[in-house]
N, C-alpha and C. Protein backbone atom coordinates (compact mmCIF):
# COMPACT_ATOMS: atom_id res chain seq x y z
N MET A 1 -9.75 0.56 -5.27
CA MET A 1 -10.52 1.25 -6.26
C MET A 1 -10.04 0.84 -7.64
N PRO A 2 -10.96 0.62 -8.55
CA PRO A 2 -10.57 0.18 -9.90
C PRO A 2 -10.13 1.35 -10.79
N MET A 3 -8.88 1.71 -10.70
CA MET A 3 -8.31 2.76 -11.54
C MET A 3 -7.72 2.09 -12.78
N PHE A 4 -8.02 2.66 -13.95
CA PHE A 4 -7.51 2.13 -15.20
C PHE A 4 -6.90 3.25 -16.02
N ASP A 5 -5.94 2.88 -16.86
CA ASP A 5 -5.34 3.80 -17.81
C ASP A 5 -6.11 3.70 -19.11
N PHE A 6 -6.32 4.85 -19.76
CA PHE A 6 -7.01 4.91 -21.04
C PHE A 6 -6.19 5.73 -22.01
N PHE A 7 -6.42 5.45 -23.32
CA PHE A 7 -5.75 6.17 -24.39
C PHE A 7 -6.80 6.66 -25.36
N CYS A 8 -6.66 7.92 -25.78
CA CYS A 8 -7.57 8.50 -26.77
C CYS A 8 -6.83 8.54 -28.10
N PRO A 9 -7.26 7.78 -29.11
CA PRO A 9 -6.58 7.81 -30.41
C PRO A 9 -6.77 9.12 -31.16
N ARG A 10 -7.82 9.86 -30.85
CA ARG A 10 -8.08 11.13 -31.56
C ARG A 10 -7.03 12.19 -31.21
N CYS A 11 -6.80 12.43 -29.91
CA CYS A 11 -5.84 13.48 -29.50
C CYS A 11 -4.56 12.90 -28.88
N GLU A 12 -4.46 11.56 -28.84
CA GLU A 12 -3.30 10.85 -28.30
C GLU A 12 -3.05 11.17 -26.83
N ASN A 13 -4.10 11.42 -26.10
CA ASN A 13 -4.02 11.70 -24.66
C ASN A 13 -4.09 10.39 -23.89
N THR A 14 -3.24 10.24 -22.89
CA THR A 14 -3.30 9.10 -21.97
C THR A 14 -3.77 9.63 -20.63
N PHE A 15 -4.77 8.97 -20.05
CA PHE A 15 -5.32 9.43 -18.78
C PHE A 15 -5.74 8.25 -17.92
N GLU A 16 -5.95 8.52 -16.66
CA GLU A 16 -6.34 7.51 -15.68
C GLU A 16 -7.73 7.85 -15.18
N GLU A 17 -8.58 6.83 -15.02
CA GLU A 17 -9.96 7.08 -14.63
C GLU A 17 -10.46 5.95 -13.73
N LEU A 18 -11.34 6.30 -12.81
CA LEU A 18 -12.00 5.33 -11.94
C LEU A 18 -13.24 4.84 -12.67
N VAL A 19 -13.28 3.54 -13.00
CA VAL A 19 -14.42 2.97 -13.73
C VAL A 19 -14.85 1.66 -13.09
N PHE A 20 -16.08 1.31 -13.34
CA PHE A 20 -16.65 0.05 -12.86
C PHE A 20 -17.14 -0.76 -14.04
N GLY A 21 -16.87 -2.06 -14.04
CA GLY A 21 -17.32 -2.91 -15.12
C GLY A 21 -16.63 -2.59 -16.43
N ASP A 22 -17.44 -2.53 -17.51
CA ASP A 22 -16.91 -2.28 -18.84
C ASP A 22 -17.12 -0.84 -19.29
N GLU A 23 -17.26 0.08 -18.34
CA GLU A 23 -17.43 1.49 -18.69
C GLU A 23 -16.25 1.98 -19.52
N VAL A 24 -16.54 2.87 -20.46
CA VAL A 24 -15.49 3.52 -21.25
C VAL A 24 -15.72 5.02 -21.11
N PRO A 25 -14.87 5.68 -20.33
CA PRO A 25 -15.05 7.12 -20.11
C PRO A 25 -14.63 7.94 -21.32
N PRO A 26 -15.23 9.10 -21.51
CA PRO A 26 -14.79 9.98 -22.59
C PRO A 26 -13.44 10.61 -22.26
N CYS A 27 -12.74 11.03 -23.27
CA CYS A 27 -11.45 11.69 -23.08
C CYS A 27 -11.65 13.03 -22.40
N PRO A 28 -10.92 13.31 -21.33
CA PRO A 28 -11.08 14.59 -20.64
C PRO A 28 -10.53 15.78 -21.44
N ARG A 29 -9.67 15.52 -22.41
CA ARG A 29 -9.08 16.61 -23.20
C ARG A 29 -9.98 17.01 -24.39
N CYS A 30 -10.41 16.01 -25.19
CA CYS A 30 -11.16 16.35 -26.40
C CYS A 30 -12.62 15.89 -26.37
N GLY A 31 -12.99 15.06 -25.39
CA GLY A 31 -14.37 14.61 -25.27
C GLY A 31 -14.73 13.41 -26.12
N ALA A 32 -13.78 12.83 -26.83
CA ALA A 32 -14.05 11.67 -27.68
C ALA A 32 -14.49 10.48 -26.83
N THR A 33 -15.44 9.71 -27.36
CA THR A 33 -15.94 8.55 -26.62
C THR A 33 -15.29 7.25 -27.06
N GLU A 34 -14.37 7.30 -28.02
CA GLU A 34 -13.71 6.10 -28.54
C GLU A 34 -12.39 5.84 -27.83
N THR A 35 -12.36 5.95 -26.50
CA THR A 35 -11.12 5.71 -25.76
C THR A 35 -10.87 4.22 -25.60
N GLU A 36 -9.63 3.86 -25.39
CA GLU A 36 -9.22 2.46 -25.28
C GLU A 36 -8.59 2.21 -23.91
N ARG A 37 -9.03 1.14 -23.24
CA ARG A 37 -8.43 0.77 -21.96
C ARG A 37 -7.06 0.16 -22.22
N GLN A 38 -6.07 0.60 -21.46
CA GLN A 38 -4.71 0.12 -21.61
C GLN A 38 -4.35 -0.85 -20.49
N VAL A 39 -3.36 -1.68 -20.75
CA VAL A 39 -2.83 -2.56 -19.72
C VAL A 39 -1.89 -1.70 -18.89
N SER A 40 -2.15 -1.61 -17.60
CA SER A 40 -1.31 -0.77 -16.75
C SER A 40 -0.53 -1.62 -15.77
N ALA A 41 0.66 -1.19 -15.49
CA ALA A 41 1.52 -1.89 -14.53
C ALA A 41 1.07 -1.55 -13.12
N PRO A 42 1.17 -2.49 -12.18
CA PRO A 42 0.80 -2.17 -10.80
C PRO A 42 1.76 -1.14 -10.22
N SER A 43 1.28 -0.37 -9.28
CA SER A 43 2.14 0.63 -8.67
C SER A 43 3.20 -0.06 -7.82
N PRO A 44 4.38 0.54 -7.73
CA PRO A 44 5.44 -0.07 -6.93
C PRO A 44 5.09 -0.02 -5.44
N LEU A 45 5.72 -0.91 -4.70
CA LEU A 45 5.51 -0.95 -3.26
C LEU A 45 5.97 0.36 -2.66
N LYS A 46 5.10 0.99 -1.91
CA LYS A 46 5.43 2.27 -1.30
C LYS A 46 6.15 2.02 0.01
N THR A 47 7.21 2.74 0.22
CA THR A 47 7.94 2.64 1.49
C THR A 47 8.11 4.04 2.05
N GLY A 48 8.27 4.12 3.29
CA GLY A 48 8.48 5.43 3.90
C GLY A 48 7.33 5.83 4.78
N ALA A 49 7.23 7.11 4.98
CA ALA A 49 6.30 7.66 5.93
C ALA A 49 4.87 7.71 5.38
N PHE A 50 4.03 8.33 6.14
CA PHE A 50 2.60 8.50 5.87
C PHE A 50 2.33 8.73 4.40
N PRO A 51 1.32 8.19 3.81
CA PRO A 51 0.25 7.40 4.39
C PRO A 51 0.43 5.91 4.18
N PHE A 52 1.61 5.47 3.77
CA PHE A 52 1.80 4.07 3.43
C PHE A 52 2.48 3.29 4.54
N LYS A 53 1.96 2.12 4.80
CA LYS A 53 2.59 1.20 5.75
C LYS A 53 2.88 -0.08 5.00
N VAL A 54 4.06 -0.60 5.16
CA VAL A 54 4.45 -1.81 4.48
C VAL A 54 4.28 -3.00 5.40
N GLY A 55 3.62 -4.02 4.93
CA GLY A 55 3.48 -5.26 5.67
C GLY A 55 2.40 -5.21 6.73
N PRO A 56 2.20 -6.34 7.39
CA PRO A 56 1.16 -6.42 8.41
C PRO A 56 1.54 -5.65 9.67
N VAL A 57 0.55 -5.25 10.41
CA VAL A 57 0.78 -4.57 11.67
C VAL A 57 0.78 -5.63 12.76
N HIS A 58 1.87 -5.72 13.48
CA HIS A 58 2.00 -6.72 14.53
C HIS A 58 1.55 -6.17 15.87
N PRO A 59 0.81 -6.95 16.67
CA PRO A 59 0.33 -6.45 17.94
C PRO A 59 1.44 -6.09 18.93
N LEU A 60 2.60 -6.72 18.81
CA LEU A 60 3.69 -6.43 19.73
C LEU A 60 4.54 -5.25 19.27
N ALA A 61 4.27 -4.74 18.06
CA ALA A 61 5.10 -3.66 17.53
C ALA A 61 5.05 -2.42 18.41
N SER A 62 3.91 -2.17 19.06
CA SER A 62 3.81 -0.98 19.92
C SER A 62 4.59 -1.17 21.21
N ARG A 63 4.91 -2.41 21.56
CA ARG A 63 5.65 -2.66 22.81
C ARG A 63 7.15 -2.79 22.57
N MET A 64 7.57 -2.73 21.31
CA MET A 64 9.00 -2.85 21.02
C MET A 64 9.73 -1.71 21.71
N GLY A 65 10.84 -2.00 22.29
CA GLY A 65 11.59 -0.98 23.00
C GLY A 65 11.24 -0.95 24.48
N LYS A 66 10.31 -1.79 24.90
CA LYS A 66 9.95 -1.87 26.32
C LYS A 66 10.43 -3.19 26.90
N GLY A 67 11.60 -3.63 26.45
CA GLY A 67 12.15 -4.88 26.97
C GLY A 67 11.77 -6.09 26.16
N LEU A 68 11.07 -5.94 25.04
CA LEU A 68 10.65 -7.09 24.26
C LEU A 68 11.52 -7.32 23.03
N ALA A 69 12.31 -6.36 22.62
CA ALA A 69 13.09 -6.51 21.41
C ALA A 69 14.26 -7.45 21.61
N GLY A 70 14.39 -8.43 20.72
CA GLY A 70 15.54 -9.31 20.72
C GLY A 70 15.58 -10.34 21.82
N CYS A 71 14.45 -10.67 22.44
CA CYS A 71 14.48 -11.64 23.54
C CYS A 71 14.15 -13.04 23.07
N GLY A 72 13.69 -13.18 21.83
CA GLY A 72 13.36 -14.51 21.34
C GLY A 72 12.01 -15.00 21.81
N GLY A 73 11.18 -14.16 22.35
CA GLY A 73 9.83 -14.54 22.74
C GLY A 73 9.67 -14.90 24.20
N ALA A 74 10.74 -14.95 24.96
CA ALA A 74 10.64 -15.34 26.36
C ALA A 74 10.00 -14.25 27.22
N CYS A 75 9.95 -13.03 26.73
CA CYS A 75 9.40 -11.93 27.52
C CYS A 75 7.92 -12.09 27.80
N GLY A 76 7.21 -12.70 26.86
CA GLY A 76 5.78 -12.87 27.04
C GLY A 76 5.46 -13.72 28.26
N SER A 77 6.37 -14.62 28.64
CA SER A 77 6.13 -15.49 29.79
C SER A 77 6.83 -14.97 31.05
N GLY A 78 7.45 -13.81 30.95
CA GLY A 78 8.12 -13.23 32.12
C GLY A 78 9.51 -13.76 32.34
N GLY A 79 10.06 -14.50 31.37
CA GLY A 79 11.37 -15.10 31.55
C GLY A 79 12.52 -14.28 31.00
N CYS A 80 12.27 -13.07 30.55
CA CYS A 80 13.32 -12.25 29.97
C CYS A 80 14.05 -11.49 31.08
N PRO A 81 15.37 -11.58 31.14
CA PRO A 81 16.11 -10.88 32.17
C PRO A 81 15.95 -9.36 32.06
N SER A 82 15.79 -8.82 30.83
CA SER A 82 15.64 -7.36 30.71
C SER A 82 14.28 -6.91 31.25
N ALA A 83 13.28 -7.77 31.25
CA ALA A 83 11.96 -7.42 31.78
C ALA A 83 11.96 -7.46 33.32
N GLN A 84 12.99 -8.10 33.90
CA GLN A 84 13.07 -8.22 35.36
C GLN A 84 14.11 -7.27 35.92
N GLY A 85 14.33 -6.16 35.23
CA GLY A 85 15.28 -5.16 35.72
C GLY A 85 16.72 -5.51 35.42
N GLY A 86 16.97 -6.42 34.44
CA GLY A 86 18.33 -6.76 34.05
C GLY A 86 18.96 -7.81 34.95
N GLN A 87 18.23 -8.40 35.89
CA GLN A 87 18.79 -9.43 36.77
C GLN A 87 18.40 -10.80 36.24
N SER A 88 19.32 -11.78 36.29
CA SER A 88 18.99 -13.11 35.82
C SER A 88 18.74 -14.08 36.93
């Protein structure tokens, strides 16, 4: 979504608004229409729990912990000793 920061020179209010194209929204505090679009920094990478996920979702991620972790890829072909009950 195109969220932009705006500044109102009349009341010195800074606000964020969803706009499309070259729209210039009025100030929500004083109603002035002479607001200025500001250069805004991108939001930092979110880490942690819901609702943010970092990085791509891997198809094998749901199988991790079922004998696939740390095998170097041999488990997919049935060659992993942990997938065969720990026997080599």
